Amino acid sequence: MMMMFQQHMNNPQNQNAGGSAAFWEFCRMNPPEFIGEYVPVMAREWIQRMSGILESMECTEV
């Protein structure tokens, strides 16, 4: 997650506007970090938590 944040901020387009409001709202929701282990229960919990955050932000599916 931190790497994604740093990449986002290193993009010159994002520095001018201070980043998107949706991105900052997402960060404030304290999203869980996926550490890449193959443990189905942990992956499922991560997906559920991320889905909850995105639903609360009223994000639409792409």
N, C-alpha and C. Protein backbone atom coordinates (compact mmCIF):
# COMPACT_ATOMS: atom_id res chain seq x y z
N MET A 1 0.84 -1.18 0.00
CA MET A 1 0.00 0.00 0.00
C MET A 1 0.88 1.25 0.00
N MET A 2 1.93 1.23 0.81
CA MET A 2 2.80 2.39 0.89
C MET A 2 3.48 2.64 -0.46
N MET A 3 3.85 1.56 -1.16
CA MET A 3 4.49 1.72 -2.46
C MET A 3 3.52 2.39 -3.44
N MET A 4 2.25 1.97 -3.39
CA MET A 4 1.25 2.57 -4.27
C MET A 4 1.10 4.06 -3.95
N PHE A 5 1.09 4.39 -2.68
CA PHE A 5 0.98 5.79 -2.25
C PHE A 5 2.17 6.60 -2.76
N GLN A 6 3.38 6.05 -2.61
CA GLN A 6 4.57 6.77 -3.04
C GLN A 6 4.58 6.96 -4.55
N GLN A 7 4.17 5.92 -5.30
CA GLN A 7 4.11 6.05 -6.75
C GLN A 7 3.09 7.12 -7.14
N HIS A 8 1.98 7.12 -6.43
CA HIS A 8 0.93 8.11 -6.70
C HIS A 8 1.47 9.52 -6.48
N MET A 9 2.18 9.73 -5.41
CA MET A 9 2.69 11.06 -5.09
C MET A 9 3.87 11.46 -5.97
N ASN A 10 4.60 10.48 -6.52
CA ASN A 10 5.72 10.80 -7.40
C ASN A 10 5.26 11.21 -8.79
N ASN A 11 4.01 10.98 -9.10
CA ASN A 11 3.45 11.38 -10.38
C ASN A 11 3.22 12.90 -10.34
N PRO A 12 3.88 13.67 -11.22
CA PRO A 12 3.75 15.14 -11.18
C PRO A 12 2.31 15.63 -11.28
N GLN A 13 1.45 14.91 -11.98
CA GLN A 13 0.06 15.33 -12.10
C GLN A 13 -0.63 15.33 -10.74
N ASN A 14 -0.26 14.42 -9.87
CA ASN A 14 -0.91 14.31 -8.57
C ASN A 14 -0.38 15.32 -7.56
N GLN A 15 0.83 15.82 -7.77
CA GLN A 15 1.38 16.78 -6.82
C GLN A 15 0.71 18.14 -6.95
N ASN A 16 0.34 18.51 -8.14
CA ASN A 16 -0.28 19.82 -8.34
C ASN A 16 -1.62 19.93 -7.63
N ALA A 17 -2.39 18.88 -7.69
CA ALA A 17 -3.72 18.90 -7.10
C ALA A 17 -3.72 18.35 -5.68
N GLY A 18 -2.57 17.92 -5.20
CA GLY A 18 -2.52 17.34 -3.86
C GLY A 18 -3.11 15.94 -3.82
N GLY A 19 -3.21 15.28 -4.96
CA GLY A 19 -3.80 13.95 -5.02
C GLY A 19 -5.31 14.05 -5.09
N SER A 20 -5.92 12.99 -5.50
CA SER A 20 -7.37 13.02 -5.62
C SER A 20 -8.02 12.86 -4.25
N ALA A 21 -9.18 13.45 -4.11
CA ALA A 21 -9.92 13.36 -2.85
C ALA A 21 -10.28 11.93 -2.53
N ALA A 22 -10.62 11.15 -3.55
CA ALA A 22 -10.98 9.74 -3.33
C ALA A 22 -9.79 8.95 -2.81
N PHE A 23 -8.60 9.24 -3.34
CA PHE A 23 -7.41 8.53 -2.87
C PHE A 23 -7.15 8.84 -1.41
N TRP A 24 -7.26 10.11 -1.03
CA TRP A 24 -7.01 10.48 0.36
C TRP A 24 -8.07 9.89 1.29
N GLU A 25 -9.30 9.84 0.82
CA GLU A 25 -10.36 9.22 1.62
C GLU A 25 -10.06 7.74 1.82
N PHE A 26 -9.60 7.08 0.75
CA PHE A 26 -9.23 5.67 0.82
C PHE A 26 -8.12 5.47 1.85
N CYS A 27 -7.12 6.32 1.84
CA CYS A 27 -6.01 6.21 2.80
C CYS A 27 -6.49 6.41 4.23
N ARG A 28 -7.43 7.33 4.44
CA ARG A 28 -7.96 7.57 5.78
C ARG A 28 -8.73 6.38 6.33
N MET A 29 -9.20 5.52 5.44
CA MET A 29 -9.96 4.34 5.86
C MET A 29 -9.03 3.24 6.40
N ASN A 30 -7.73 3.50 6.37
CA ASN A 30 -6.73 2.56 6.88
C ASN A 30 -6.88 1.18 6.24
N PRO A 31 -6.71 1.09 4.91
CA PRO A 31 -6.89 -0.19 4.23
C PRO A 31 -5.84 -1.21 4.66
N PRO A 32 -6.22 -2.48 4.71
CA PRO A 32 -5.27 -3.51 5.11
C PRO A 32 -4.23 -3.73 4.02
N GLU A 33 -3.03 -4.07 4.42
CA GLU A 33 -1.97 -4.35 3.47
C GLU A 33 -1.99 -5.83 3.13
N PHE A 34 -1.94 -6.15 1.86
CA PHE A 34 -1.87 -7.55 1.44
C PHE A 34 -0.41 -7.92 1.33
N ILE A 35 0.01 -8.90 2.12
CA ILE A 35 1.43 -9.24 2.18
C ILE A 35 1.80 -10.36 1.21
N GLY A 36 0.84 -10.85 0.44
CA GLY A 36 1.14 -11.79 -0.63
C GLY A 36 1.26 -13.24 -0.24
N GLU A 37 0.93 -13.58 0.99
CA GLU A 37 0.99 -14.98 1.38
C GLU A 37 -0.20 -15.72 0.80
N TYR A 38 0.03 -16.97 0.44
CA TYR A 38 -1.06 -17.76 -0.09
C TYR A 38 -1.71 -18.53 1.05
N VAL A 39 -2.56 -17.84 1.75
CA VAL A 39 -3.38 -18.44 2.80
C VAL A 39 -4.81 -18.02 2.46
N PRO A 40 -5.61 -18.95 1.92
CA PRO A 40 -6.95 -18.58 1.44
C PRO A 40 -7.79 -17.79 2.43
N VAL A 41 -7.74 -18.15 3.70
CA VAL A 41 -8.55 -17.45 4.69
C VAL A 41 -8.11 -15.99 4.81
N MET A 42 -6.81 -15.76 4.83
CA MET A 42 -6.30 -14.39 4.95
C MET A 42 -6.63 -13.58 3.69
N ALA A 43 -6.50 -14.20 2.53
CA ALA A 43 -6.82 -13.51 1.28
C ALA A 43 -8.31 -13.14 1.25
N ARG A 44 -9.16 -14.06 1.67
CA ARG A 44 -10.60 -13.81 1.68
C ARG A 44 -10.93 -12.66 2.63
N GLU A 45 -10.31 -12.65 3.81
CA GLU A 45 -10.54 -11.57 4.77
C GLU A 45 -10.08 -10.22 4.20
N TRP A 46 -8.94 -10.24 3.50
CA TRP A 46 -8.43 -9.01 2.90
C TRP A 46 -9.42 -8.49 1.87
N ILE A 47 -9.92 -9.39 1.02
CA ILE A 47 -10.89 -9.00 0.00
C ILE A 47 -12.15 -8.43 0.64
N GLN A 48 -12.62 -9.07 1.69
CA GLN A 48 -13.83 -8.59 2.37
C GLN A 48 -13.63 -7.20 2.97
N ARG A 49 -12.48 -6.98 3.60
CA ARG A 49 -12.21 -5.67 4.20
C ARG A 49 -12.08 -4.60 3.12
N MET A 50 -11.37 -4.92 2.02
CA MET A 50 -11.23 -3.96 0.94
C MET A 50 -12.59 -3.67 0.30
N SER A 51 -13.40 -4.69 0.12
CA SER A 51 -14.74 -4.50 -0.45
C SER A 51 -15.57 -3.58 0.43
N GLY A 52 -15.47 -3.78 1.74
CA GLY A 52 -16.20 -2.93 2.67
C GLY A 52 -15.78 -1.47 2.57
N ILE A 53 -14.49 -1.24 2.46
CA ILE A 53 -13.98 0.13 2.33
C ILE A 53 -14.49 0.75 1.03
N LEU A 54 -14.37 0.02 -0.06
CA LEU A 54 -14.78 0.56 -1.35
C LEU A 54 -16.29 0.79 -1.41
N GLU A 55 -17.06 -0.09 -0.79
CA GLU A 55 -18.51 0.11 -0.74
C GLU A 55 -18.87 1.34 0.08
N SER A 56 -18.18 1.53 1.21
CA SER A 56 -18.47 2.70 2.05
C SER A 56 -18.11 4.00 1.34
N MET A 57 -17.16 3.92 0.41
CA MET A 57 -16.78 5.09 -0.38
C MET A 57 -17.69 5.25 -1.60
N GLU A 58 -18.61 4.32 -1.76
CA GLU A 58 -19.55 4.30 -2.89
C GLU A 58 -18.83 4.24 -4.23
N CYS A 59 -17.76 3.41 -4.28
CA CYS A 59 -17.04 3.19 -5.53
C CYS A 59 -17.84 2.22 -6.40
N THR A 60 -17.80 2.45 -7.70
CA THR A 60 -18.48 1.55 -8.62
C THR A 60 -17.49 0.55 -9.17
N GLU A 61 -18.00 -0.61 -9.56
CA GLU A 61 -17.13 -1.62 -10.16
C GLU A 61 -16.80 -1.22 -11.58
N VAL A 62 -15.61 -1.58 -12.00
CA VAL A 62 -15.17 -1.25 -13.36
C VAL A 62 -15.33 -2.46 -14.23
